Amino acid sequence: MIKINLHLYKDMDIEESIDFWSKTLNIPPSQFRKPYIKKSNREGLTYKSFGYGTCRLYTCSVLLSEKIAMSIKAISDKYGAKSEIFWYN
């Protein structure tokens, strides 16, 4: 089972953000937890590329967590990211 937790600013549309991440990750909205809403607005930020917030993925399976981490590491290795940022080496 995978659960998603979103981190949003208070001036962001919650339903729109859930819909974006649900479609992007191909995970139904029922698997989303209540989002964390930061009390400040985005208006003071100079860099606003996270228009749908950020998401954190939770799993209830060590095996699934390891598969996800190794997949991220494989993509990172292919595109030249530094491998020391990963906890699985």
PDB file of N, CA and C in Angstrom:
ATOM      1  N   MET A   1       0.849  -1.182   0.000  1.00  0.00           N
ATOM      2  CA  MET A   1       0.000   0.000   0.000  1.00  0.00           C
ATOM      3  C   MET A   1       0.885   1.232   0.000  1.00  0.00           C
ATOM      4  N   ILE A   2       0.530   2.182  -0.811  1.00  0.00           N
ATOM      5  CA  ILE A   2       1.240   3.464  -0.893  1.00  0.00           C
ATOM      6  C   ILE A   2       0.288   4.561  -0.447  1.00  0.00           C
ATOM      7  N   LYS A   3       0.797   5.473   0.364  1.00  0.00           N
ATOM      8  CA  LYS A   3       0.051   6.668   0.774  1.00  0.00           C
ATOM      9  C   LYS A   3       0.861   7.892   0.383  1.00  0.00           C
ATOM     10  N   ILE A   4       0.175   8.967   0.052  1.00  0.00           N
ATOM     11  CA  ILE A   4       0.820  10.211  -0.354  1.00  0.00           C
ATOM     12  C   ILE A   4       0.409  11.322   0.596  1.00  0.00           C
ATOM     13  N   ASN A   5       1.394  12.134   0.986  1.00  0.00           N
ATOM     14  CA  ASN A   5       1.131  13.310   1.812  1.00  0.00           C
ATOM     15  C   ASN A   5       1.663  14.525   1.062  1.00  0.00           C
ATOM     16  N   LEU A   6       0.814  15.512   0.830  1.00  0.00           N
ATOM     17  CA  LEU A   6       1.217  16.727   0.130  1.00  0.00           C
ATOM     18  C   LEU A   6       1.586  17.828   1.115  1.00  0.00           C
ATOM     19  N   HIS A   7       2.546  18.649   0.734  1.00  0.00           N
ATOM     20  CA  HIS A   7       2.924  19.847   1.479  1.00  0.00           C
ATOM     21  C   HIS A   7       2.570  21.030   0.589  1.00  0.00           C
ATOM     22  N   LEU A   8       1.629  21.857   1.042  1.00  0.00           N
ATOM     23  CA  LEU A   8       1.116  22.960   0.243  1.00  0.00           C
ATOM     24  C   LEU A   8       1.177  24.268   1.024  1.00  0.00           C
ATOM     25  N   TYR A   9       1.133  25.394   0.296  1.00  0.00           N
ATOM     26  CA  TYR A   9       0.967  26.704   0.922  1.00  0.00           C
ATOM     27  C   TYR A   9      -0.524  26.977   1.034  1.00  0.00           C
ATOM     28  N   LYS A  10      -0.892  27.866   1.954  1.00  0.00           N
ATOM     29  CA  LYS A  10      -2.318  28.098   2.213  1.00  0.00           C
ATOM     30  C   LYS A  10      -3.045  28.735   1.039  1.00  0.00           C
ATOM     31  N   ASP A  11      -2.314  29.355   0.098  1.00  0.00           N
ATOM     32  CA  ASP A  11      -2.976  29.957  -1.061  1.00  0.00           C
ATOM     33  C   ASP A  11      -3.037  29.016  -2.271  1.00  0.00           C
ATOM     34  N   MET A  12      -2.764  27.740  -2.060  1.00  0.00           N
ATOM     35  CA  MET A  12      -2.840  26.754  -3.139  1.00  0.00           C
ATOM     36  C   MET A  12      -4.181  26.033  -3.094  1.00  0.00           C
ATOM     37  N   ASP A  13      -4.640  25.595  -4.245  1.00  0.00           N
ATOM     38  CA  ASP A  13      -5.891  24.859  -4.353  1.00  0.00           C
ATOM     39  C   ASP A  13      -5.626  23.389  -4.008  1.00  0.00           C
ATOM     40  N   ILE A  14      -6.188  22.927  -2.907  1.00  0.00           N
ATOM     41  CA  ILE A  14      -5.934  21.567  -2.419  1.00  0.00           C
ATOM     42  C   ILE A  14      -6.432  20.518  -3.409  1.00  0.00           C
ATOM     43  N   GLU A  15      -7.661  20.644  -3.860  1.00  0.00           N
ATOM     44  CA  GLU A  15      -8.236  19.645  -4.765  1.00  0.00           C
ATOM     45  C   GLU A  15      -7.488  19.602  -6.093  1.00  0.00           C
ATOM     46  N   GLU A  16      -7.103  20.762  -6.599  1.00  0.00           N
ATOM     47  CA  GLU A  16      -6.340  20.814  -7.853  1.00  0.00           C
ATOM     48  C   GLU A  16      -4.973  20.140  -7.688  1.00  0.00           C
ATOM     49  N   SER A  17      -4.339  20.356  -6.542  1.00  0.00           N
ATOM     50  CA  SER A  17      -3.038  19.740  -6.275  1.00  0.00           C
ATOM     51  C   SER A  17      -3.159  18.228  -6.151  1.00  0.00           C
ATOM     52  N   ILE A  18      -4.180  17.757  -5.440  1.00  0.00           N
ATOM     53  CA  ILE A  18      -4.403  16.312  -5.320  1.00  0.00           C
ATOM     54  C   ILE A  18      -4.676  15.707  -6.694  1.00  0.00           C
ATOM     55  N   ASP A  19      -5.473  16.375  -7.494  1.00  0.00           N
ATOM     56  CA  ASP A  19      -5.780  15.886  -8.838  1.00  0.00           C
ATOM     57  C   ASP A  19      -4.512  15.813  -9.691  1.00  0.00           C
ATOM     58  N   PHE A  20      -3.663  16.843  -9.631  1.00  0.00           N
ATOM     59  CA  PHE A  20      -2.407  16.849 -10.385  1.00  0.00           C
ATOM     60  C   PHE A  20      -1.532  15.667  -9.991  1.00  0.00           C
ATOM     61  N   TRP A  21      -1.288  15.500  -8.685  1.00  0.00           N
ATOM     62  CA  TRP A  21      -0.400  14.422  -8.228  1.00  0.00           C
ATOM     63  C   TRP A  21      -1.018  13.046  -8.479  1.00  0.00           C
ATOM     64  N   SER A  22      -2.336  12.948  -8.345  1.00  0.00           N
ATOM     65  CA  SER A  22      -3.009  11.677  -8.592  1.00  0.00           C
ATOM     66  C   SER A  22      -2.803  11.230 -10.039  1.00  0.00           C
ATOM     67  N   LYS A  23      -2.970  12.167 -10.970  1.00  0.00           N
ATOM     68  CA  LYS A  23      -2.782  11.837 -12.386  1.00  0.00           C
ATOM     69  C   LYS A  23      -1.310  11.603 -12.710  1.00  0.00           C
ATOM     70  N   THR A  24      -0.422  12.423 -12.152  1.00  0.00           N
ATOM     71  CA  THR A  24       1.008  12.307 -12.424  1.00  0.00           C
ATOM     72  C   THR A  24       1.565  10.984 -11.927  1.00  0.00           C
ATOM     73  N   LEU A  25       1.156  10.567 -10.728  1.00  0.00           N
ATOM     74  CA  LEU A  25       1.676   9.349 -10.114  1.00  0.00           C
ATOM     75  C   LEU A  25       0.830   8.117 -10.409  1.00  0.00           C
ATOM     76  N   ASN A  26      -0.334   8.336 -11.025  1.00  0.00           N
ATOM     77  CA  ASN A  26      -1.274   7.245 -11.304  1.00  0.00           C
ATOM     78  C   ASN A  26      -1.681   6.530 -10.015  1.00  0.00           C
ATOM     79  N   ILE A  27      -2.000   7.352  -9.013  1.00  0.00           N
ATOM     80  CA  ILE A  27      -2.435   6.854  -7.703  1.00  0.00           C
ATOM     81  C   ILE A  27      -3.792   7.492  -7.403  1.00  0.00           C
ATOM     82  N   PRO A  28      -4.795   6.719  -7.009  1.00  0.00           N
ATOM     83  CA  PRO A  28      -6.125   7.289  -6.767  1.00  0.00           C
ATOM     84  C   PRO A  28      -6.125   8.274  -5.594  1.00  0.00           C
ATOM     85  N   PRO A  29      -6.975   9.288  -5.655  1.00  0.00           N
ATOM     86  CA  PRO A  29      -7.061  10.274  -4.573  1.00  0.00           C
ATOM     87  C   PRO A  29      -7.355   9.662  -3.203  1.00  0.00           C
ATOM     88  N   SER A  30      -7.954   8.491  -3.161  1.00  0.00           N
ATOM     89  CA  SER A  30      -8.258   7.827  -1.887  1.00  0.00           C
ATOM     90  C   SER A  30      -6.991   7.463  -1.117  1.00  0.00           C
ATOM     91  N   GLN A  31      -5.852   7.400  -1.794  1.00  0.00           N
ATOM     92  CA  GLN A  31      -4.599   7.053  -1.139  1.00  0.00           C
ATOM     93  C   GLN A  31      -3.835   8.287  -0.642  1.00  0.00           C
ATOM     94  N   PHE A  32      -4.444   9.468  -0.735  1.00  0.00           N
ATOM     95  CA  PHE A  32      -3.826  10.691  -0.250  1.00  0.00           C
ATOM     96  C   PHE A  32      -4.273  10.968   1.177  1.00  0.00           C
ATOM     97  N   ARG A  33      -3.308  11.282   2.016  1.00  0.00           N
ATOM     98  CA  ARG A  33      -3.610  11.689   3.389  1.00  0.00           C
ATOM     99  C   ARG A  33      -3.987  13.157   3.398  1.00  0.00           C
ATOM    100  N   LYS A  34      -4.452  13.629   4.540  1.00  0.00           N
ATOM    101  CA  LYS A  34      -4.751  15.047   4.698  1.00  0.00           C
ATOM    102  C   LYS A  34      -3.460  15.834   4.460  1.00  0.00           C
ATOM    103  N   PRO A  35      -3.485  16.850   3.568  1.00  0.00           N
ATOM    104  CA  PRO A  35      -2.251  17.566   3.265  1.00  0.00           C
ATOM    105  C   PRO A  35      -1.796  18.478   4.407  1.00  0.00           C
ATOM    106  N   TYR A  36      -0.481  18.686   4.461  1.00  0.00           N
ATOM    107  CA  TYR A  36       0.084  19.673   5.378  1.00  0.00           C
ATOM    108  C   TYR A  36      -0.029  21.021   4.676  1.00  0.00           C
ATOM    109  N   ILE A  37      -0.625  21.994   5.329  1.00  0.00           N
ATOM    110  CA  ILE A  37      -0.799  23.319   4.763  1.00  0.00           C
ATOM    111  C   ILE A  37       0.094  24.305   5.512  1.00  0.00           C
ATOM    112  N   LYS A  38       1.077  24.854   4.803  1.00  0.00           N
ATOM    113  CA  LYS A  38       1.967  25.850   5.397  1.00  0.00           C
ATOM    114  C   LYS A  38       1.192  27.151   5.558  1.00  0.00           C
ATOM    115  N   LYS A  39       1.353  27.817   6.682  1.00  0.00           N
ATOM    116  CA  LYS A  39       0.539  28.989   7.004  1.00  0.00           C
ATOM    117  C   LYS A  39       0.876  30.228   6.173  1.00  0.00           C
ATOM    118  N   SER A  40       2.014  30.234   5.510  1.00  0.00           N
ATOM    119  CA  SER A  40       2.375  31.394   4.696  1.00  0.00           C
ATOM    120  C   SER A  40       1.896  31.216   3.253  1.00  0.00           C
ATOM    121  N   ASN A  41       1.889  32.343   2.526  1.00  0.00           N
ATOM    122  CA  ASN A  41       1.510  32.338   1.116  1.00  0.00           C
ATOM    123  C   ASN A  41       2.750  32.217   0.241  1.00  0.00           C
ATOM    124  N   ARG A  42       2.528  31.929  -1.023  1.00  0.00           N
ATOM    125  CA  ARG A  42       3.630  31.875  -1.981  1.00  0.00           C
ATOM    126  C   ARG A  42       3.993  33.246  -2.513  1.00  0.00           C
ATOM    127  N   GLU A  43       3.211  34.262  -2.221  1.00  0.00           N
ATOM    128  CA  GLU A  43       3.400  35.580  -2.844  1.00  0.00           C
ATOM    129  C   GLU A  43       4.776  36.183  -2.612  1.00  0.00           C
ATOM    130  N   GLY A  44       5.441  35.879  -1.499  1.00  0.00           N
ATOM    131  CA  GLY A  44       6.756  36.425  -1.227  1.00  0.00           C
ATOM    132  C   GLY A  44       7.900  35.629  -1.838  1.00  0.00           C
ATOM    133  N   LEU A  45       7.595  34.499  -2.435  1.00  0.00           N
ATOM    134  CA  LEU A  45       8.640  33.659  -3.010  1.00  0.00           C
ATOM    135  C   LEU A  45       9.058  34.167  -4.383  1.00  0.00           C
ATOM    136  N   THR A  46      10.344  34.094  -4.651  1.00  0.00           N
ATOM    137  CA  THR A  46      10.820  34.486  -5.980  1.00  0.00           C
ATOM    138  C   THR A  46      10.821  33.296  -6.928  1.00  0.00           C
ATOM    139  N   TYR A  47      10.821  32.088  -6.403  1.00  0.00           N
ATOM    140  CA  TYR A  47      10.870  30.879  -7.218  1.00  0.00           C
ATOM    141  C   TYR A  47       9.626  30.059  -6.921  1.00  0.00           C
ATOM    142  N   LYS A  48       8.678  30.041  -7.855  1.00  0.00           N
ATOM    143  CA  LYS A  48       7.379  29.408  -7.598  1.00  0.00           C
ATOM    144  C   LYS A  48       7.115  28.211  -8.513  1.00  0.00           C
ATOM    145  N   SER A  49       8.123  27.415  -8.766  1.00  0.00           N
ATOM    146  CA  SER A  49       7.931  26.318  -9.720  1.00  0.00           C
ATOM    147  C   SER A  49       7.105  25.167  -9.151  1.00  0.00           C
ATOM    148  N   PHE A  50       6.966  25.088  -7.848  1.00  0.00           N
ATOM    149  CA  PHE A  50       6.192  24.004  -7.249  1.00  0.00           C
ATOM    150  C   PHE A  50       4.720  24.416  -7.147  1.00  0.00           C
ATOM    151  N   GLY A  51       4.093  24.579  -8.301  1.00  0.00           N
ATOM    152  CA  GLY A  51       2.717  25.060  -8.358  1.00  0.00           C
ATOM    153  C   GLY A  51       1.702  24.107  -7.770  1.00  0.00           C
ATOM    154  N   TYR A  52       2.094  22.856  -7.570  1.00  0.00           N
ATOM    155  CA  TYR A  52       1.186  21.869  -6.989  1.00  0.00           C
ATOM    156  C   TYR A  52       1.742  21.302  -5.698  1.00  0.00           C
ATOM    157  N   GLY A  53       2.686  22.002  -5.099  1.00  0.00           N
ATOM    158  CA  GLY A  53       3.272  21.564  -3.846  1.00  0.00           C
ATOM    159  C   GLY A  53       4.274  20.443  -4.052  1.00  0.00           C
ATOM    160  N   THR A  54       4.695  19.883  -2.964  1.00  0.00           N
ATOM    161  CA  THR A  54       5.594  18.735  -3.012  1.00  0.00           C
ATOM    162  C   THR A  54       4.880  17.558  -2.361  1.00  0.00           C
ATOM    163  N   CYS A  55       5.314  16.366  -2.712  1.00  0.00           N
ATOM    164  CA  CYS A  55       4.652  15.198  -2.142  1.00  0.00           C
ATOM    165  C   CYS A  55       5.665  14.260  -1.511  1.00  0.00           C
ATOM    166  N   ARG A  56       5.191  13.555  -0.521  1.00  0.00           N
ATOM    167  CA  ARG A  56       5.988  12.538   0.170  1.00  0.00           C
ATOM    168  C   ARG A  56       5.240  11.224   0.016  1.00  0.00           C
ATOM    169  N   LEU A  57       5.981  10.205  -0.343  1.00  0.00           N
ATOM    170  CA  LEU A  57       5.406   8.889  -0.566  1.00  0.00           C
ATOM    171  C   LEU A  57       5.710   8.001   0.634  1.00  0.00           C
ATOM    172  N   TYR A  58       4.694   7.318   1.150  1.00  0.00           N
ATOM    173  CA  TYR A  58       4.839   6.382   2.263  1.00  0.00           C
ATOM    174  C   TYR A  58       4.459   4.990   1.788  1.00  0.00           C
ATOM    175  N   THR A  59       5.202   4.010   2.242  1.00  0.00           N
ATOM    176  CA  THR A  59       4.832   2.625   1.953  1.00  0.00           C
ATOM    177  C   THR A  59       4.769   1.842   3.267  1.00  0.00           C
ATOM    178  N   CYS A  60       4.019   0.779   3.246  1.00  0.00           N
ATOM    179  CA  CYS A  60       3.917  -0.107   4.419  1.00  0.00           C
ATOM    180  C   CYS A  60       4.698  -1.389   4.187  1.00  0.00           C
ATOM    181  N   SER A  61       5.609  -1.351   3.238  1.00  0.00           N
ATOM    182  CA  SER A  61       6.349  -2.557   2.864  1.00  0.00           C
ATOM    183  C   SER A  61       7.825  -2.211   2.677  1.00  0.00           C
ATOM    184  N   VAL A  62       8.687  -2.901   3.391  1.00  0.00           N
ATOM    185  CA  VAL A  62      10.127  -2.698   3.238  1.00  0.00           C
ATOM    186  C   VAL A  62      10.556  -3.060   1.821  1.00  0.00           C
ATOM    187  N   LEU A  63      10.029  -4.146   1.296  1.00  0.00           N
ATOM    188  CA  LEU A  63      10.385  -4.585  -0.050  1.00  0.00           C
ATOM    189  C   LEU A  63      10.014  -3.518  -1.089  1.00  0.00           C
ATOM    190  N   LEU A  64       8.823  -2.980  -0.986  1.00  0.00           N
ATOM    191  CA  LEU A  64       8.392  -1.938  -1.916  1.00  0.00           C
ATOM    192  C   LEU A  64       9.242  -0.683  -1.758  1.00  0.00           C
ATOM    193  N   SER A  65       9.555  -0.299  -0.522  1.00  0.00           N
ATOM    194  CA  SER A  65      10.413   0.863  -0.275  1.00  0.00           C
ATOM    195  C   SER A  65      11.783   0.682  -0.917  1.00  0.00           C
ATOM    196  N   GLU A  66      12.352  -0.504  -0.791  1.00  0.00           N
ATOM    197  CA  GLU A  66      13.656  -0.783  -1.392  1.00  0.00           C
ATOM    198  C   GLU A  66      13.591  -0.750  -2.918  1.00  0.00           C
ATOM    199  N   LYS A  67      12.524  -1.284  -3.500  1.00  0.00           N
ATOM    200  CA  LYS A  67      12.371  -1.251  -4.953  1.00  0.00           C
ATOM    201  C   LYS A  67      12.269   0.189  -5.460  1.00  0.00           C
ATOM    202  N   ILE A  68      11.518   1.023  -4.750  1.00  0.00           N
ATOM    203  CA  ILE A  68      11.377   2.425  -5.137  1.00  0.00           C
ATOM    204  C   ILE A  68      12.720   3.141  -5.023  1.00  0.00           C
ATOM    205  N   ALA A  69      13.415   2.945  -3.901  1.00  0.00           N
ATOM    206  CA  ALA A  69      14.710   3.595  -3.696  1.00  0.00           C
ATOM    207  C   ALA A  69      15.727   3.163  -4.751  1.00  0.00           C
ATOM    208  N   MET A  70      15.762   1.890  -5.076  1.00  0.00           N
ATOM    209  CA  MET A  70      16.709   1.403  -6.078  1.00  0.00           C
ATOM    210  C   MET A  70      16.348   1.907  -7.476  1.00  0.00           C
ATOM    211  N   SER A  71      15.071   2.071  -7.751  1.00  0.00           N
ATOM    212  CA  SER A  71      14.653   2.635  -9.036  1.00  0.00           C
ATOM    213  C   SER A  71      15.107   4.091  -9.151  1.00  0.00           C
ATOM    214  N   ILE A  72      14.949   4.847  -8.083  1.00  0.00           N
ATOM    215  CA  ILE A  72      15.407   6.238  -8.077  1.00  0.00           C
ATOM    216  C   ILE A  72      16.918   6.295  -8.257  1.00  0.00           C
ATOM    217  N   LYS A  73      17.632   5.410  -7.573  1.00  0.00           N
ATOM    218  CA  LYS A  73      19.088   5.372  -7.689  1.00  0.00           C
ATOM    219  C   LYS A  73      19.510   5.018  -9.116  1.00  0.00           C
ATOM    220  N   ALA A  74      18.842   4.070  -9.757  1.00  0.00           N
ATOM    221  CA  ALA A  74      19.177   3.684 -11.128  1.00  0.00           C
ATOM    222  C   ALA A  74      18.979   4.859 -12.082  1.00  0.00           C
ATOM    223  N   ILE A  75      17.897   5.590 -11.914  1.00  0.00           N
ATOM    224  CA  ILE A  75      17.652   6.771 -12.749  1.00  0.00           C
ATOM    225  C   ILE A  75      18.721   7.822 -12.487  1.00  0.00           C
ATOM    226  N   SER A  76      19.052   8.011 -11.224  1.00  0.00           N
ATOM    227  CA  SER A  76      20.086   8.975 -10.852  1.00  0.00           C
ATOM    228  C   SER A  76      21.434   8.602 -11.457  1.00  0.00           C
ATOM    229  N   ASP A  77      21.795   7.333 -11.371  1.00  0.00           N
ATOM    230  CA  ASP A  77      23.065   6.870 -11.938  1.00  0.00           C
ATOM    231  C   ASP A  77      23.105   7.093 -13.456  1.00  0.00           C
ATOM    232  N   LYS A  78      21.999   6.839 -14.105  1.00  0.00           N
ATOM    233  CA  LYS A  78      21.935   6.994 -15.563  1.00  0.00           C
ATOM    234  C   LYS A  78      22.127   8.448 -15.975  1.00  0.00           C
ATOM    235  N   TYR A  79      21.572   9.379 -15.199  1.00  0.00           N
ATOM    236  CA  TYR A  79      21.623  10.786 -15.577  1.00  0.00           C
ATOM    237  C   TYR A  79      22.669  11.591 -14.816  1.00  0.00           C
ATOM    238  N   GLY A  80      23.559  10.907 -14.078  1.00  0.00           N
ATOM    239  CA  GLY A  80      24.727  11.553 -13.513  1.00  0.00           C
ATOM    240  C   GLY A  80      24.561  12.257 -12.180  1.00  0.00           C
ATOM    241  N   ALA A  81      23.499  11.998 -11.446  1.00  0.00           N
ATOM    242  CA  ALA A  81      23.363  12.613 -10.123  1.00  0.00           C
ATOM    243  C   ALA A  81      24.316  11.932  -9.155  1.00  0.00           C
ATOM    244  N   LYS A  82      24.673  12.624  -8.102  1.00  0.00           N
ATOM    245  CA  LYS A  82      25.610  12.082  -7.118  1.00  0.00           C
ATOM    246  C   LYS A  82      24.936  10.993  -6.290  1.00  0.00           C
ATOM    247  N   SER A  83      25.536   9.823  -6.259  1.00  0.00           N
ATOM    248  CA  SER A  83      24.923   8.687  -5.568  1.00  0.00           C
ATOM    249  C   SER A  83      25.005   8.790  -4.052  1.00  0.00           C
ATOM    250  N   GLU A  84      25.888   9.630  -3.499  1.00  0.00           N
ATOM    251  CA  GLU A  84      25.997   9.726  -2.039  1.00  0.00           C
ATOM    252  C   GLU A  84      24.775  10.366  -1.388  1.00  0.00           C
ATOM    253  N   ILE A  85      23.869  10.932  -2.202  1.00  0.00           N
ATOM    254  CA  ILE A  85      22.647  11.490  -1.622  1.00  0.00           C
ATOM    255  C   ILE A  85      21.631  10.409  -1.281  1.00  0.00           C
ATOM    256  N   PHE A  86      21.870   9.173  -1.751  1.00  0.00           N
ATOM    257  CA  PHE A  86      20.935   8.094  -1.493  1.00  0.00           C
ATOM    258  C   PHE A  86      21.333   7.296  -0.267  1.00  0.00           C
ATOM    259  N   TRP A  87      20.346   6.818   0.447  1.00  0.00           N
ATOM    260  CA  TRP A  87      20.614   6.034   1.638  1.00  0.00           C
ATOM    261  C   TRP A  87      20.877   4.564   1.294  1.00  0.00           C
ATOM    262  N   TYR A  88      20.503   4.136   0.094  1.00  0.00           N
ATOM    263  CA  TYR A  88      20.806   2.784  -0.374  1.00  0.00           C
ATOM    264  C   TYR A  88      21.951   2.878  -1.368  1.00  0.00           C
ATOM    265  N   ASN A  89      23.041   2.228  -1.081  1.00  0.00           N
ATOM    266  CA  ASN A  89      24.190   2.226  -2.017  1.00  0.00           C
ATOM    267  C   ASN A  89      24.564   0.810  -2.374  1.00  0.00           C
TER     268      ASN A  89
END
